[in-house]
Amino acid sequence: AAPCLASRIPHHQPVTREKLAQVEKAEAGLHRLGLEVVRVRHHGDIARVELPEEQLVAAMAKPLRGRIEDAVRAAGFDYVTVDLRGMRSGHFTLTALRRPVSDG
């Protein structure tokens, strides 16, 4: 089972139906390409794609690179990045825990 789609939105950012739909559509498109384990992180008009490290080289090579870009852009993102650190479950939570929370 995949983690909740809301985990793809950075902490302290509004979670909206539109953002969740974008992430869901992008991930579905990537699954259709045969990328079974994938996370699309929502950063406004940028999608950050996380894949297992062993898939990074293939993801950067043609023709898969273009297919990844097309699938994610079809979900409504303007820019597509692939995270070179690979899949990092819980990254947004760990990042939020390291930051001091402001009251303003």
N, C-alpha and C. Protein backbone atom coordinates (compact mmCIF):
# COMPACT_ATOMS: atom_id res chain seq x y z
N ALA A 1 0.84 -1.18 0.00
CA ALA A 1 0.00 0.00 0.00
C ALA A 1 0.88 1.24 0.00
N ALA A 2 0.48 2.22 -0.77
CA ALA A 2 1.22 3.47 -0.85
C ALA A 2 0.85 4.39 0.31
N PRO A 3 1.80 5.18 0.78
CA PRO A 3 1.47 6.15 1.83
C PRO A 3 0.45 7.16 1.33
N CYS A 4 -0.18 7.81 2.25
CA CYS A 4 -1.19 8.84 1.94
C CYS A 4 -0.61 9.88 0.98
N LEU A 5 -1.40 10.29 0.01
CA LEU A 5 -0.94 11.29 -0.96
C LEU A 5 -0.57 12.61 -0.28
N ALA A 6 -1.19 12.91 0.86
CA ALA A 6 -0.87 14.16 1.56
C ALA A 6 0.59 14.18 2.00
N SER A 7 1.22 13.00 2.13
CA SER A 7 2.63 12.96 2.52
C SER A 7 3.54 13.46 1.40
N ARG A 8 2.97 13.73 0.23
CA ARG A 8 3.76 14.25 -0.89
C ARG A 8 3.81 15.78 -0.89
N ILE A 9 3.06 16.40 0.02
CA ILE A 9 3.01 17.86 0.14
C ILE A 9 3.89 18.26 1.32
N PRO A 10 4.77 19.24 1.16
CA PRO A 10 5.62 19.64 2.29
C PRO A 10 4.79 20.09 3.50
N HIS A 11 5.34 19.81 4.68
CA HIS A 11 4.70 20.26 5.91
C HIS A 11 4.53 21.78 5.88
N HIS A 12 3.50 22.26 6.53
CA HIS A 12 3.19 23.69 6.64
C HIS A 12 2.74 24.30 5.31
N GLN A 13 2.41 23.45 4.34
CA GLN A 13 1.85 23.91 3.07
C GLN A 13 0.40 23.42 3.01
N PRO A 14 -0.49 24.21 2.42
CA PRO A 14 -1.88 23.77 2.33
C PRO A 14 -2.00 22.50 1.47
N VAL A 15 -2.78 21.56 1.97
CA VAL A 15 -3.09 20.35 1.21
C VAL A 15 -4.45 20.58 0.56
N THR A 16 -4.46 20.61 -0.76
CA THR A 16 -5.71 20.88 -1.48
C THR A 16 -6.05 19.69 -2.37
N ARG A 17 -7.32 19.62 -2.76
CA ARG A 17 -7.75 18.57 -3.68
C ARG A 17 -6.97 18.65 -4.99
N GLU A 18 -6.71 19.87 -5.44
CA GLU A 18 -6.00 20.05 -6.70
C GLU A 18 -4.58 19.49 -6.63
N LYS A 19 -3.87 19.78 -5.55
CA LYS A 19 -2.51 19.27 -5.39
C LYS A 19 -2.52 17.74 -5.31
N LEU A 20 -3.45 17.20 -4.53
CA LEU A 20 -3.53 15.74 -4.39
C LEU A 20 -3.85 15.08 -5.73
N ALA A 21 -4.73 15.71 -6.50
CA ALA A 21 -5.09 15.16 -7.82
C ALA A 21 -3.88 15.20 -8.76
N GLN A 22 -3.10 16.27 -8.69
CA GLN A 22 -1.89 16.37 -9.52
C GLN A 22 -0.92 15.25 -9.20
N VAL A 23 -0.66 15.05 -7.91
CA VAL A 23 0.26 14.01 -7.49
C VAL A 23 -0.26 12.64 -7.91
N GLU A 24 -1.53 12.39 -7.68
CA GLU A 24 -2.13 11.10 -8.03
C GLU A 24 -2.02 10.83 -9.54
N LYS A 25 -2.31 11.84 -10.34
CA LYS A 25 -2.25 11.68 -11.79
C LYS A 25 -0.80 11.45 -12.25
N ALA A 26 0.14 12.19 -11.68
CA ALA A 26 1.55 12.02 -12.06
C ALA A 26 2.04 10.63 -11.69
N GLU A 27 1.73 10.17 -10.48
CA GLU A 27 2.17 8.85 -10.06
C GLU A 27 1.51 7.75 -10.89
N ALA A 28 0.25 7.92 -11.23
CA ALA A 28 -0.42 6.93 -12.07
C ALA A 28 0.25 6.84 -13.44
N GLY A 29 0.62 7.99 -14.00
CA GLY A 29 1.32 8.00 -15.28
C GLY A 29 2.66 7.30 -15.20
N LEU A 30 3.37 7.48 -14.10
CA LEU A 30 4.67 6.83 -13.93
C LEU A 30 4.50 5.32 -13.72
N HIS A 31 3.44 4.95 -13.02
CA HIS A 31 3.17 3.51 -12.85
C HIS A 31 2.91 2.85 -14.21
N ARG A 32 2.20 3.56 -15.09
CA ARG A 32 1.95 3.02 -16.43
C ARG A 32 3.23 2.83 -17.22
N LEU A 33 4.28 3.55 -16.85
CA LEU A 33 5.58 3.40 -17.51
C LEU A 33 6.37 2.22 -16.92
N GLY A 34 5.79 1.57 -15.93
CA GLY A 34 6.47 0.44 -15.31
C GLY A 34 7.26 0.80 -14.06
N LEU A 35 7.16 2.04 -13.61
CA LEU A 35 7.84 2.48 -12.39
C LEU A 35 6.90 2.21 -11.21
N GLU A 36 7.04 1.04 -10.62
CA GLU A 36 6.11 0.61 -9.57
C GLU A 36 6.31 1.35 -8.26
N VAL A 37 7.57 1.59 -7.90
CA VAL A 37 7.88 2.27 -6.64
C VAL A 37 8.33 3.68 -7.00
N VAL A 38 7.47 4.65 -6.73
CA VAL A 38 7.75 6.03 -7.11
C VAL A 38 6.98 6.97 -6.19
N ARG A 39 7.54 8.13 -5.92
CA ARG A 39 6.85 9.17 -5.18
C ARG A 39 7.03 10.47 -5.97
N VAL A 40 5.95 11.21 -6.12
CA VAL A 40 6.01 12.53 -6.73
C VAL A 40 5.76 13.53 -5.61
N ARG A 41 6.74 14.35 -5.32
CA ARG A 41 6.63 15.38 -4.26
C ARG A 41 6.22 16.68 -4.92
N HIS A 42 5.23 17.33 -4.33
CA HIS A 42 4.63 18.55 -4.88
C HIS A 42 5.35 19.77 -4.32
N HIS A 43 5.96 20.54 -5.20
CA HIS A 43 6.64 21.79 -4.82
C HIS A 43 6.11 22.91 -5.71
N GLY A 44 4.83 23.16 -5.63
CA GLY A 44 4.23 24.20 -6.47
C GLY A 44 4.19 23.75 -7.92
N ASP A 45 4.85 24.49 -8.81
CA ASP A 45 4.84 24.10 -10.22
C ASP A 45 5.95 23.09 -10.55
N ILE A 46 6.69 22.66 -9.50
CA ILE A 46 7.76 21.68 -9.67
C ILE A 46 7.35 20.35 -9.05
N ALA A 47 7.54 19.28 -9.79
CA ALA A 47 7.36 17.93 -9.26
C ALA A 47 8.74 17.33 -9.05
N ARG A 48 8.98 16.83 -7.85
CA ARG A 48 10.24 16.14 -7.55
C ARG A 48 9.94 14.65 -7.50
N VAL A 49 10.47 13.92 -8.45
CA VAL A 49 10.22 12.49 -8.57
C VAL A 49 11.30 11.73 -7.81
N GLU A 50 10.85 10.85 -6.92
CA GLU A 50 11.77 9.99 -6.18
C GLU A 50 11.60 8.56 -6.67
N LEU A 51 12.71 7.93 -7.01
CA LEU A 51 12.74 6.55 -7.48
C LEU A 51 13.79 5.79 -6.66
N PRO A 52 13.69 4.47 -6.62
CA PRO A 52 14.77 3.70 -5.99
C PRO A 52 16.09 3.98 -6.70
N GLU A 53 17.19 4.00 -5.95
CA GLU A 53 18.49 4.34 -6.53
C GLU A 53 18.84 3.50 -7.75
N GLU A 54 18.46 2.23 -7.74
CA GLU A 54 18.83 1.35 -8.85
C GLU A 54 18.10 1.70 -10.15
N GLN A 55 17.10 2.58 -10.09
CA GLN A 55 16.37 2.99 -11.29
C GLN A 55 16.79 4.36 -11.81
N LEU A 56 17.66 5.05 -11.10
CA LEU A 56 18.02 6.42 -11.47
C LEU A 56 18.71 6.51 -12.83
N VAL A 57 19.62 5.63 -13.11
CA VAL A 57 20.35 5.69 -14.38
C VAL A 57 19.38 5.49 -15.54
N ALA A 58 18.50 4.50 -15.44
CA ALA A 58 17.52 4.25 -16.51
C ALA A 58 16.58 5.44 -16.67
N ALA A 59 16.22 6.07 -15.56
CA ALA A 59 15.29 7.21 -15.61
C ALA A 59 15.89 8.41 -16.31
N MET A 60 17.21 8.52 -16.30
CA MET A 60 17.88 9.66 -16.92
C MET A 60 18.20 9.43 -18.39
N ALA A 61 18.05 8.19 -18.84
CA ALA A 61 18.39 7.86 -20.22
C ALA A 61 17.15 7.95 -21.11
N LYS A 62 17.40 8.24 -22.39
CA LYS A 62 16.32 8.23 -23.36
C LYS A 62 15.94 6.79 -23.63
N PRO A 63 14.73 6.46 -23.90
CA PRO A 63 13.56 7.32 -24.03
C PRO A 63 12.80 7.52 -22.72
N LEU A 64 13.19 6.80 -21.64
CA LEU A 64 12.41 6.87 -20.41
C LEU A 64 12.38 8.28 -19.84
N ARG A 65 13.48 9.00 -19.93
CA ARG A 65 13.53 10.37 -19.38
C ARG A 65 12.42 11.23 -19.97
N GLY A 66 12.23 11.20 -21.27
CA GLY A 66 11.18 11.98 -21.91
C GLY A 66 9.79 11.51 -21.53
N ARG A 67 9.64 10.21 -21.38
CA ARG A 67 8.33 9.67 -20.99
C ARG A 67 7.97 10.07 -19.57
N ILE A 68 8.96 10.10 -18.68
CA ILE A 68 8.72 10.56 -17.31
C ILE A 68 8.29 12.02 -17.33
N GLU A 69 9.02 12.83 -18.06
CA GLU A 69 8.67 14.26 -18.15
C GLU A 69 7.25 14.43 -18.70
N ASP A 70 6.92 13.73 -19.77
CA ASP A 70 5.60 13.86 -20.37
C ASP A 70 4.50 13.46 -19.39
N ALA A 71 4.70 12.35 -18.67
CA ALA A 71 3.67 11.86 -17.74
C ALA A 71 3.44 12.84 -16.60
N VAL A 72 4.52 13.42 -16.10
CA VAL A 72 4.39 14.34 -14.96
C VAL A 72 3.84 15.69 -15.42
N ARG A 73 4.29 16.17 -16.55
CA ARG A 73 3.77 17.44 -17.07
C ARG A 73 2.29 17.32 -17.43
N ALA A 74 1.86 16.14 -17.87
CA ALA A 74 0.45 15.92 -18.18
C ALA A 74 -0.43 16.04 -16.94
N ALA A 75 0.18 15.90 -15.77
CA ALA A 75 -0.56 16.05 -14.51
C ALA A 75 -0.68 17.52 -14.09
N GLY A 76 -0.03 18.42 -14.85
CA GLY A 76 -0.18 19.84 -14.57
C GLY A 76 1.04 20.52 -13.98
N PHE A 77 2.15 19.81 -13.85
CA PHE A 77 3.37 20.43 -13.35
C PHE A 77 4.10 21.09 -14.51
N ASP A 78 4.74 22.23 -14.25
CA ASP A 78 5.52 22.92 -15.28
C ASP A 78 6.93 22.37 -15.39
N TYR A 79 7.48 21.92 -14.27
CA TYR A 79 8.86 21.45 -14.22
C TYR A 79 8.91 20.08 -13.56
N VAL A 80 9.83 19.24 -14.03
CA VAL A 80 9.99 17.89 -13.50
C VAL A 80 11.45 17.71 -13.11
N THR A 81 11.68 17.29 -11.87
CA THR A 81 13.02 16.95 -11.44
C THR A 81 13.02 15.51 -10.94
N VAL A 82 14.15 14.87 -11.03
CA VAL A 82 14.34 13.55 -10.45
C VAL A 82 15.36 13.72 -9.33
N ASP A 83 14.99 13.33 -8.13
CA ASP A 83 15.86 13.49 -6.97
C ASP A 83 17.02 12.50 -7.07
N LEU A 84 18.24 13.00 -7.14
CA LEU A 84 19.42 12.16 -7.30
C LEU A 84 19.73 11.35 -6.04
N ARG A 85 19.09 11.68 -4.93
CA ARG A 85 19.29 10.91 -3.70
C ARG A 85 18.40 9.68 -3.67
N GLY A 86 17.52 9.55 -4.66
CA GLY A 86 16.64 8.39 -4.71
C GLY A 86 15.46 8.51 -3.77
N MET A 87 14.80 7.39 -3.55
CA MET A 87 13.60 7.33 -2.71
C MET A 87 13.99 7.51 -1.25
N ARG A 88 13.28 8.44 -0.58
CA ARG A 88 13.55 8.70 0.84
C ARG A 88 12.23 8.82 1.57
N SER A 89 11.75 7.70 2.04
CA SER A 89 10.49 7.67 2.75
C SER A 89 10.57 8.54 4.00
N GLY A 90 9.54 9.36 4.21
CA GLY A 90 9.48 10.21 5.40
C GLY A 90 10.35 11.45 5.34
N HIS A 91 10.87 11.81 4.17
CA HIS A 91 11.80 12.94 4.06
C HIS A 91 11.17 14.25 4.50
N PHE A 92 9.93 14.53 4.09
CA PHE A 92 9.30 15.79 4.48
C PHE A 92 9.16 15.88 6.00
N THR A 93 8.81 14.78 6.63
CA THR A 93 8.66 14.77 8.09
C THR A 93 10.00 15.00 8.76
N LEU A 94 11.04 14.32 8.30
CA LEU A 94 12.36 14.50 8.90
C LEU A 94 12.86 15.93 8.73
N THR A 95 12.61 16.51 7.57
CA THR A 95 13.01 17.90 7.33
C THR A 95 12.27 18.84 8.26
N ALA A 96 10.96 18.62 8.44
CA ALA A 96 10.15 19.48 9.31
C ALA A 96 10.63 19.38 10.76
N LEU A 97 11.04 18.21 11.18
CA LEU A 97 11.49 18.03 12.56
C LEU A 97 12.80 18.75 12.84
N ARG A 98 13.61 18.97 11.81
CA ARG A 98 14.89 19.68 11.97
C ARG A 98 14.71 21.19 11.98
N ARG A 99 13.58 21.69 11.49
CA ARG A 99 13.35 23.14 11.42
C ARG A 99 12.62 23.65 12.65
N PRO A 100 13.04 24.80 13.14
CA PRO A 100 12.26 25.39 14.23
C PRO A 100 10.92 25.91 13.66
N VAL A 101 9.85 25.72 14.41
CA VAL A 101 8.53 26.17 13.99
C VAL A 101 8.32 27.58 14.51
N SER A 102 7.96 28.51 13.63
CA SER A 102 7.72 29.90 14.04
C SER A 102 6.25 30.09 14.37
N ASP A 103 5.95 31.05 15.22
CA ASP A 103 4.57 31.35 15.59
C ASP A 103 3.93 32.34 14.64
N GLY A 104 4.67 32.86 13.70
CA GLY A 104 4.13 33.88 12.83
C GLY A 104 4.03 33.43 11.49
